[in-house]
Each structure stands twice: as structure tokens, then as C-alpha cells.
Amino acid sequence: MSEPPFRPREKLLEKQKYFQSIHKHTYLKGPYDKITSVAIPVALFASSLYLIFKNA
């Protein structure tokens, strides 16, 4: 007895073709990935530098 898949196979193949056709880094392929992969780490880095040099 097997479980039904989470998504239909056609949808999965469609998404695979879409992501394989994009020529970006794999962690920047989604619409909001630039926010989570670039903006948040840069903001954390900037705020940590500010706090380091404020106390120094």
C-alpha cells in the first residue's frame, strides 16, 4: 500500500523544468530568495559592525 504523492507528477515536472532553465545560482531562483540570501545577512553584518565599533 503506497501513499498518494504530495503534488501531481505533472506539476513537479513543470517546476523542475522551470528551475533547470534558470541560469542563476540555485539559492537565488525563487522570487523572494534575494531578500533571504542577500539582504538579511548584509543587514546582520552591518548591525554587528555598528555594535562592535560603537563599544570600541
PDB file of N, CA and C in Angstrom:
ATOM      1  N   MET A   1       0.849  -1.178   0.000  1.00  0.00           N
ATOM      2  CA  MET A   1       0.000   0.000   0.000  1.00  0.00           C
ATOM      3  C   MET A   1       0.896   1.243   0.000  1.00  0.00           C
ATOM      4  N   SER A   2       0.720   2.124  -0.960  1.00  0.00           N
ATOM      5  CA  SER A   2       1.565   3.311  -1.054  1.00  0.00           C
ATOM      6  C   SER A   2       0.723   4.570  -0.841  1.00  0.00           C
ATOM      7  N   GLU A   3       1.392   5.599  -0.372  1.00  0.00           N
ATOM      8  CA  GLU A   3       0.720   6.880  -0.141  1.00  0.00           C
ATOM      9  C   GLU A   3       0.579   7.631  -1.455  1.00  0.00           C
ATOM     10  N   PRO A   4      -0.449   8.460  -1.557  1.00  0.00           N
ATOM     11  CA  PRO A   4      -0.522   9.313  -2.748  1.00  0.00           C
ATOM     12  C   PRO A   4       0.553  10.403  -2.661  1.00  0.00           C
ATOM     13  N   PRO A   5       1.050  10.875  -3.777  1.00  0.00           N
ATOM     14  CA  PRO A   5       2.094  11.906  -3.745  1.00  0.00           C
ATOM     15  C   PRO A   5       1.544  13.233  -3.227  1.00  0.00           C
ATOM     16  N   PHE A   6       2.453  14.071  -2.721  1.00  0.00           N
ATOM     17  CA  PHE A   6       2.049  15.389  -2.223  1.00  0.00           C
ATOM     18  C   PHE A   6       1.586  16.284  -3.362  1.00  0.00           C
ATOM     19  N   ARG A   7       2.278  16.207  -4.475  1.00  0.00           N
ATOM     20  CA  ARG A   7       1.934  17.001  -5.656  1.00  0.00           C
ATOM     21  C   ARG A   7       1.753  16.075  -6.851  1.00  0.00           C
ATOM     22  N   PRO A   8       0.957  16.484  -7.794  1.00  0.00           N
ATOM     23  CA  PRO A   8       0.857  15.684  -9.017  1.00  0.00           C
ATOM     24  C   PRO A   8       2.194  15.675  -9.766  1.00  0.00           C
ATOM     25  N   ARG A   9       2.482  14.575 -10.424  1.00  0.00           N
ATOM     26  CA  ARG A   9       3.755  14.427 -11.132  1.00  0.00           C
ATOM     27  C   ARG A   9       3.931  15.504 -12.211  1.00  0.00           C
ATOM     28  N   GLU A  10       2.842  15.916 -12.856  1.00  0.00           N
ATOM     29  CA  GLU A  10       2.930  16.922 -13.911  1.00  0.00           C
ATOM     30  C   GLU A  10       3.414  18.257 -13.351  1.00  0.00           C
ATOM     31  N   LYS A  11       2.892  18.638 -12.185  1.00  0.00           N
ATOM     32  CA  LYS A  11       3.313  19.889 -11.550  1.00  0.00           C
ATOM     33  C   LYS A  11       4.791  19.827 -11.167  1.00  0.00           C
ATOM     34  N   LEU A  12       5.210  18.682 -10.659  1.00  0.00           N
ATOM     35  CA  LEU A  12       6.599  18.510 -10.263  1.00  0.00           C
ATOM     36  C   LEU A  12       7.524  18.638 -11.469  1.00  0.00           C
ATOM     37  N   LEU A  13       7.175  17.990 -12.565  1.00  0.00           N
ATOM     38  CA  LEU A  13       7.995  18.068 -13.773  1.00  0.00           C
ATOM     39  C   LEU A  13       8.030  19.488 -14.324  1.00  0.00           C
ATOM     40  N   GLU A  14       6.896  20.185 -14.231  1.00  0.00           N
ATOM     41  CA  GLU A  14       6.830  21.568 -14.704  1.00  0.00           C
ATOM     42  C   GLU A  14       7.769  22.466 -13.881  1.00  0.00           C
ATOM     43  N   LYS A  15       7.752  22.304 -12.560  1.00  0.00           N
ATOM     44  CA  LYS A  15       8.627  23.107 -11.704  1.00  0.00           C
ATOM     45  C   LYS A  15      10.092  22.742 -11.918  1.00  0.00           C
ATOM     46  N   GLN A  16      10.391  21.465 -12.126  1.00  0.00           N
ATOM     47  CA  GLN A  16      11.767  21.057 -12.385  1.00  0.00           C
ATOM     48  C   GLN A  16      12.286  21.692 -13.667  1.00  0.00           C
ATOM     49  N   LYS A  17      11.476  21.699 -14.714  1.00  0.00           N
ATOM     50  CA  LYS A  17      11.891  22.320 -15.972  1.00  0.00           C
ATOM     51  C   LYS A  17      12.123  23.807 -15.783  1.00  0.00           C
ATOM     52  N   TYR A  18      11.247  24.454 -15.010  1.00  0.00           N
ATOM     53  CA  TYR A  18      11.401  25.891 -14.769  1.00  0.00           C
ATOM     54  C   TYR A  18      12.707  26.185 -14.040  1.00  0.00           C
ATOM     55  N   PHE A  19      12.982  25.465 -12.951  1.00  0.00           N
ATOM     56  CA  PHE A  19      14.185  25.743 -12.171  1.00  0.00           C
ATOM     57  C   PHE A  19      15.446  25.338 -12.906  1.00  0.00           C
ATOM     58  N   GLN A  20      15.386  24.331 -13.761  1.00  0.00           N
ATOM     59  CA  GLN A  20      16.564  23.934 -14.519  1.00  0.00           C
ATOM     60  C   GLN A  20      16.860  24.904 -15.658  1.00  0.00           C
ATOM     61  N   SER A  21      15.863  25.654 -16.100  1.00  0.00           N
ATOM     62  CA  SER A  21      16.076  26.581 -17.212  1.00  0.00           C
ATOM     63  C   SER A  21      16.665  27.913 -16.752  1.00  0.00           C
ATOM     64  N   ILE A  22      16.582  28.231 -15.470  1.00  0.00           N
ATOM     65  CA  ILE A  22      17.105  29.499 -14.960  1.00  0.00           C
ATOM     66  C   ILE A  22      18.609  29.378 -14.779  1.00  0.00           C
ATOM     67  N   HIS A  23      19.335  30.391 -15.252  1.00  0.00           N
ATOM     68  CA  HIS A  23      20.798  30.354 -15.157  1.00  0.00           C
ATOM     69  C   HIS A  23      21.272  31.270 -14.035  1.00  0.00           C
ATOM     70  N   LYS A  24      20.777  31.054 -12.844  1.00  0.00           N
ATOM     71  CA  LYS A  24      21.240  31.765 -11.653  1.00  0.00           C
ATOM     72  C   LYS A  24      21.746  30.725 -10.672  1.00  0.00           C
ATOM     73  N   HIS A  25      22.312  31.199  -9.570  1.00  0.00           N
ATOM     74  CA  HIS A  25      22.697  30.268  -8.523  1.00  0.00           C
ATOM     75  C   HIS A  25      21.450  29.605  -7.960  1.00  0.00           C
ATOM     76  N   THR A  26      21.589  28.394  -7.481  1.00  0.00           N
ATOM     77  CA  THR A  26      20.414  27.651  -7.037  1.00  0.00           C
ATOM     78  C   THR A  26      19.730  28.299  -5.845  1.00  0.00           C
ATOM     79  N   TYR A  27      20.460  29.035  -5.015  1.00  0.00           N
ATOM     80  CA  TYR A  27      19.833  29.652  -3.853  1.00  0.00           C
ATOM     81  C   TYR A  27      19.203  30.997  -4.179  1.00  0.00           C
ATOM     82  N   LEU A  28      19.239  31.444  -5.437  1.00  0.00           N
ATOM     83  CA  LEU A  28      18.619  32.709  -5.822  1.00  0.00           C
ATOM     84  C   LEU A  28      17.538  32.521  -6.877  1.00  0.00           C
ATOM     85  N   LYS A  29      16.935  31.359  -6.960  1.00  0.00           N
ATOM     86  CA  LYS A  29      15.993  31.093  -8.032  1.00  0.00           C
ATOM     87  C   LYS A  29      14.561  31.509  -7.721  1.00  0.00           C
ATOM     88  N   GLY A  30      14.193  31.571  -6.479  1.00  0.00           N
ATOM     89  CA  GLY A  30      12.819  31.927  -6.135  1.00  0.00           C
ATOM     90  C   GLY A  30      12.615  33.427  -6.162  1.00  0.00           C
ATOM     91  N   PRO A  31      11.371  33.882  -6.100  1.00  0.00           N
ATOM     92  CA  PRO A  31      11.097  35.320  -6.185  1.00  0.00           C
ATOM     93  C   PRO A  31      11.571  36.111  -4.968  1.00  0.00           C
ATOM     94  N   TYR A  32      11.597  35.518  -3.787  1.00  0.00           N
ATOM     95  CA  TYR A  32      11.997  36.253  -2.592  1.00  0.00           C
ATOM     96  C   TYR A  32      13.353  35.799  -2.065  1.00  0.00           C
ATOM     97  N   ASP A  33      14.085  35.034  -2.846  1.00  0.00           N
ATOM     98  CA  ASP A  33      15.348  34.486  -2.359  1.00  0.00           C
ATOM     99  C   ASP A  33      16.434  35.540  -2.204  1.00  0.00           C
ATOM    100  N   LYS A  34      16.355  36.631  -2.967  1.00  0.00           N
ATOM    101  CA  LYS A  34      17.359  37.682  -2.815  1.00  0.00           C
ATOM    102  C   LYS A  34      17.222  38.364  -1.453  1.00  0.00           C
ATOM    103  N   ILE A  35      16.004  38.426  -0.942  1.00  0.00           N
ATOM    104  CA  ILE A  35      15.796  39.035   0.374  1.00  0.00           C
ATOM    105  C   ILE A  35      16.414  38.154   1.454  1.00  0.00           C
ATOM    106  N   THR A  36      16.136  36.853   1.385  1.00  0.00           N
ATOM    107  CA  THR A  36      16.615  35.966   2.446  1.00  0.00           C
ATOM    108  C   THR A  36      18.086  35.620   2.300  1.00  0.00           C
ATOM    109  N   SER A  37      18.618  35.601   1.082  1.00  0.00           N
ATOM    110  CA  SER A  37      20.010  35.188   0.889  1.00  0.00           C
ATOM    111  C   SER A  37      20.983  36.351   0.876  1.00  0.00           C
ATOM    112  N   VAL A  38      20.517  37.554   0.595  1.00  0.00           N
ATOM    113  CA  VAL A  38      21.424  38.691   0.468  1.00  0.00           C
ATOM    114  C   VAL A  38      21.103  39.787   1.479  1.00  0.00           C
ATOM    115  N   ALA A  39      19.876  40.257   1.496  1.00  0.00           N
ATOM    116  CA  ALA A  39      19.532  41.434   2.296  1.00  0.00           C
ATOM    117  C   ALA A  39      19.637  41.168   3.798  1.00  0.00           C
ATOM    118  N   ILE A  40      19.124  40.061   4.273  1.00  0.00           N
ATOM    119  CA  ILE A  40      19.159  39.777   5.711  1.00  0.00           C
ATOM    120  C   ILE A  40      20.591  39.579   6.213  1.00  0.00           C
ATOM    121  N   PRO A  41      21.445  38.775   5.536  1.00  0.00           N
ATOM    122  CA  PRO A  41      22.836  38.673   6.009  1.00  0.00           C
ATOM    123  C   PRO A  41      23.586  40.001   5.967  1.00  0.00           C
ATOM    124  N   VAL A  42      23.341  40.821   4.956  1.00  0.00           N
ATOM    125  CA  VAL A  42      24.004  42.132   4.889  1.00  0.00           C
ATOM    126  C   VAL A  42      23.541  43.017   6.036  1.00  0.00           C
ATOM    127  N   ALA A  43      22.258  42.988   6.355  1.00  0.00           N
ATOM    128  CA  ALA A  43      21.742  43.784   7.468  1.00  0.00           C
ATOM    129  C   ALA A  43      22.327  43.302   8.795  1.00  0.00           C
ATOM    130  N   LEU A  44      22.426  41.990   8.983  1.00  0.00           N
ATOM    131  CA  LEU A  44      23.031  41.470  10.217  1.00  0.00           C
ATOM    132  C   LEU A  44      24.506  41.851  10.319  1.00  0.00           C
ATOM    133  N   PHE A  45      25.216  41.781   9.225  1.00  0.00           N
ATOM    134  CA  PHE A  45      26.627  42.155   9.206  1.00  0.00           C
ATOM    135  C   PHE A  45      26.801  43.637   9.533  1.00  0.00           C
ATOM    136  N   ALA A  46      25.991  44.479   8.922  1.00  0.00           N
ATOM    137  CA  ALA A  46      26.093  45.919   9.162  1.00  0.00           C
ATOM    138  C   ALA A  46      25.755  46.269  10.609  1.00  0.00           C
ATOM    139  N   SER A  47      24.705  45.661  11.149  1.00  0.00           N
ATOM    140  CA  SER A  47      24.343  45.976  12.529  1.00  0.00           C
ATOM    141  C   SER A  47      25.393  45.456  13.504  1.00  0.00           C
ATOM    142  N   SER A  48      26.007  44.293  13.221  1.00  0.00           N
ATOM    143  CA  SER A  48      27.048  43.801  14.108  1.00  0.00           C
ATOM    144  C   SER A  48      28.297  44.673  14.053  1.00  0.00           C
ATOM    145  N   LEU A  49      28.644  45.170  12.859  1.00  0.00           N
ATOM    146  CA  LEU A  49      29.777  46.098  12.776  1.00  0.00           C
ATOM    147  C   LEU A  49      29.495  47.383  13.555  1.00  0.00           C
ATOM    148  N   TYR A  50      28.276  47.877  13.438  1.00  0.00           N
ATOM    149  CA  TYR A  50      27.905  49.082  14.180  1.00  0.00           C
ATOM    150  C   TYR A  50      28.059  48.863  15.690  1.00  0.00           C
ATOM    151  N   LEU A  51      27.557  47.727  16.173  1.00  0.00           N
ATOM    152  CA  LEU A  51      27.627  47.465  17.611  1.00  0.00           C
ATOM    153  C   LEU A  51      29.083  47.241  18.066  1.00  0.00           C
ATOM    154  N   ILE A  52      29.884  46.629  17.233  1.00  0.00           N
ATOM    155  CA  ILE A  52      31.292  46.410  17.587  1.00  0.00           C
ATOM    156  C   ILE A  52      32.026  47.747  17.706  1.00  0.00           C
ATOM    157  N   PHE A  53      31.854  48.604  16.702  1.00  0.00           N
ATOM    158  CA  PHE A  53      32.600  49.864  16.709  1.00  0.00           C
ATOM    159  C   PHE A  53      31.992  50.910  17.630  1.00  0.00           C
ATOM    160  N   LYS A  54      30.735  50.764  17.999  1.00  0.00           N
ATOM    161  CA  LYS A  54      30.112  51.677  18.964  1.00  0.00           C
ATOM    162  C   LYS A  54      30.720  51.455  20.355  1.00  0.00           C
ATOM    163  N   ASN A  55      31.005  50.197  20.696  1.00  0.00           N
ATOM    164  CA  ASN A  55      31.544  49.887  22.012  1.00  0.00           C
ATOM    165  C   ASN A  55      33.060  49.957  22.062  1.00  0.00           C
ATOM    166  N   ALA A  56      33.719  50.046  20.936  1.00  0.00           N
ATOM    167  CA  ALA A  56      35.176  50.050  20.916  1.00  0.00           C
ATOM    168  C   ALA A  56      35.765  51.404  21.238  1.00  0.00           C
TER     169      ALA A  56
END
